Amino acid sequence: MTKTTLPELPSNDNRKWYIVDAADKPLGRLAVKVANVLRGKDKADFAPSVDTGAFVIVINAQKVALTGKKNEQKLYQDFSGWRGGRTETPANVIREKNPTRLINDAVWGMLPKNNTADVRMTRLKVYAGAEHPHAAQKPETLSI
């Protein structure tokens, strides 16, 4: 009988850094790829209970593509907690006010809803423009 081996849990110093340019990339396809890298599903030694994922930097979040009429018809809902406190905002307004929310919400929706999702989301860095402060980590380009 063979023994099941689990991958080593890397420290944050040993994790890889990837950079993704979101300009003109479909939001859903980008979110799937980023979520899989955050979970570590792109590695051969993936185990669901061990967090072996990498850091991901997403730049040009303001230029991400929404296919079809989603820019006008897709609604983001917020709830204040009070009666009648639900507000709906179209994606084009969200893109103007907070373009990083489009990618953050899409990647959050692709992650499993358990205790590790919050930890994995802290390794996602999203920036509206092309500039980012993580050049010292020497991120590798991740193709979508």
Protein backbone atom coordinates (compact mmCIF):
# COMPACT_ATOMS: atom_id res chain seq x y z
CA MET A 1 0.00 0.00 0.00
CA THR A 2 1.43 3.38 -1.00
CA LYS A 3 1.37 6.38 1.24
CA THR A 4 -0.24 9.62 0.07
CA THR A 5 2.20 12.49 -0.03
CA LEU A 6 1.20 16.11 0.43
CA PRO A 7 3.16 19.02 -1.03
CA GLU A 8 5.28 21.23 1.21
CA LEU A 9 3.58 24.38 2.44
CA PRO A 10 5.70 27.24 1.04
CA SER A 11 6.34 30.39 3.00
CA ASN A 12 5.43 33.72 1.39
CA ASP A 13 9.14 34.31 0.72
CA ASN A 14 9.31 31.26 -1.58
CA ARG A 15 6.10 31.82 -3.56
CA LYS A 16 6.36 32.83 -7.20
CA TRP A 17 5.04 36.15 -8.48
CA TYR A 18 3.14 36.44 -11.77
CA ILE A 19 1.97 39.51 -13.66
CA VAL A 20 -1.06 39.61 -15.97
CA ASP A 21 -1.99 42.41 -18.35
CA ALA A 22 -5.80 42.58 -18.34
CA ALA A 23 -6.09 44.96 -21.30
CA ASP A 24 -8.60 43.62 -23.85
CA LYS A 25 -8.85 40.22 -22.10
CA PRO A 26 -12.33 38.78 -21.38
CA LEU A 27 -13.09 39.15 -17.67
CA GLY A 28 -14.27 35.57 -17.08
CA ARG A 29 -11.33 33.88 -18.80
CA LEU A 30 -8.92 36.13 -16.93
CA ALA A 31 -10.61 35.36 -13.60
CA VAL A 32 -10.44 31.58 -14.12
CA LYS A 33 -6.74 31.66 -14.93
CA VAL A 34 -5.91 33.96 -12.00
CA ALA A 35 -7.98 31.92 -9.54
CA ASN A 36 -6.26 28.69 -10.61
CA VAL A 37 -2.82 30.23 -10.09
CA LEU A 38 -3.86 31.61 -6.68
CA ARG A 39 -4.99 28.11 -5.64
CA GLY A 40 -1.95 26.37 -7.12
CA LYS A 41 -3.97 24.24 -9.54
CA ASP A 42 -1.40 24.90 -12.26
CA LYS A 43 1.20 22.86 -10.36
CA ALA A 44 1.72 19.12 -10.61
CA ASP A 45 1.66 18.69 -6.81
CA PHE A 46 -1.74 20.37 -6.29
CA ALA A 47 -3.66 19.33 -3.20
CA PRO A 48 -6.94 21.08 -2.29
CA SER A 49 -6.12 21.21 1.41
CA VAL A 50 -2.63 22.70 0.99
CA ASP A 51 -2.23 26.29 -0.13
CA THR A 52 0.60 26.17 -2.68
CA GLY A 53 -0.56 29.12 -4.81
CA ALA A 54 1.42 32.09 -6.04
CA PHE A 55 1.07 35.87 -5.93
CA VAL A 56 -0.67 37.44 -8.93
CA ILE A 57 -0.43 41.06 -10.05
CA VAL A 58 -3.11 42.27 -12.48
CA ILE A 59 -2.44 45.54 -14.30
CA ASN A 60 -4.65 47.60 -16.63
CA ALA A 61 -7.82 46.52 -14.81
CA GLN A 62 -9.63 49.50 -16.30
CA LYS A 63 -9.20 48.09 -19.81
CA VAL A 64 -10.58 44.58 -19.16
CA ALA A 65 -13.07 43.43 -21.79
CA LEU A 66 -16.70 42.62 -21.08
CA THR A 67 -18.27 40.71 -23.96
CA GLY A 68 -21.66 41.41 -25.44
CA LYS A 69 -23.77 44.05 -23.70
CA LYS A 70 -22.41 43.27 -20.23
CA ASN A 71 -20.88 46.73 -19.88
CA GLU A 72 -24.38 48.25 -19.71
CA GLN A 73 -26.50 45.28 -18.54
CA LYS A 74 -24.37 43.50 -15.90
CA LEU A 75 -25.39 44.69 -12.44
CA TYR A 76 -23.35 44.65 -9.24
CA GLN A 77 -25.44 44.52 -6.08
CA ASP A 78 -24.60 46.04 -2.71
CA PHE A 79 -26.60 45.72 0.49
CA SER A 80 -26.34 48.13 3.41
CA GLY A 81 -28.03 45.81 5.88
CA TRP A 82 -31.08 48.02 6.23
CA ARG A 83 -34.52 47.47 4.74
CA GLY A 84 -34.56 48.79 1.21
CA GLY A 85 -30.77 49.09 1.34
CA ARG A 86 -30.03 47.13 -1.82
CA THR A 87 -28.44 49.12 -4.63
CA GLU A 88 -27.71 47.94 -8.16
CA THR A 89 -24.91 49.52 -10.17
CA PRO A 90 -24.11 48.74 -13.82
CA ALA A 91 -20.63 47.55 -14.76
CA ASN A 92 -19.76 50.70 -16.71
CA VAL A 93 -20.28 52.84 -13.58
CA ILE A 94 -18.21 50.41 -11.49
CA ARG A 95 -15.45 50.58 -14.13
CA GLU A 96 -15.32 54.38 -13.78
CA LYS A 97 -15.44 54.52 -9.98
CA ASN A 98 -13.48 51.43 -8.92
CA PRO A 99 -12.12 49.38 -11.86
CA THR A 100 -10.30 46.93 -9.58
CA ARG A 101 -13.64 45.71 -8.22
CA LEU A 102 -14.51 44.06 -11.54
CA ILE A 103 -11.53 41.71 -11.31
CA ASN A 104 -11.67 41.23 -7.53
CA ASP A 105 -15.33 40.17 -7.63
CA ALA A 106 -14.80 37.87 -10.61
CA VAL A 107 -11.80 36.10 -9.04
CA TRP A 108 -13.61 35.83 -5.68
CA GLY A 109 -16.49 34.12 -7.46
CA MET A 110 -14.10 31.53 -8.93
CA LEU A 111 -12.53 30.54 -5.59
CA PRO A 112 -14.08 27.91 -3.31
CA LYS A 113 -16.03 29.43 -0.44
CA ASN A 114 -14.04 28.26 2.56
CA ASN A 115 -11.46 29.57 5.03
CA THR A 116 -8.66 29.68 2.48
CA ALA A 117 -10.42 32.05 0.07
CA ASP A 118 -9.63 35.13 2.18
CA VAL A 119 -5.96 34.14 2.42
CA ARG A 120 -5.72 33.57 -1.32
CA MET A 121 -7.36 36.91 -2.10
CA THR A 122 -4.67 38.71 -0.10
CA ARG A 123 -2.15 37.43 -2.67
CA LEU A 124 -4.08 39.08 -5.53
CA LYS A 125 -2.86 42.61 -6.32
CA VAL A 126 -5.02 44.52 -8.82
CA TYR A 127 -4.11 47.92 -10.28
CA ALA A 128 -6.21 50.11 -12.59
CA GLY A 129 -3.25 51.36 -14.64
CA ALA A 130 -0.02 49.90 -15.95
CA GLU A 131 2.10 50.91 -12.91
CA HIS A 132 2.63 48.63 -9.91
CA PRO A 133 5.01 48.74 -6.89
CA HIS A 134 6.09 45.07 -7.08
CA ALA A 135 9.04 45.31 -9.48
CA ALA A 136 11.43 44.12 -6.74
CA GLN A 137 9.70 40.71 -6.68
CA LYS A 138 10.63 40.13 -10.35
CA PRO A 139 7.22 38.83 -11.49
CA GLU A 140 7.00 36.45 -14.44
CA THR A 141 4.51 37.13 -17.24
CA LEU A 142 1.45 34.89 -17.17
CA SER A 143 -0.20 34.39 -20.55
CA ILE A 144 -3.97 34.24 -20.86
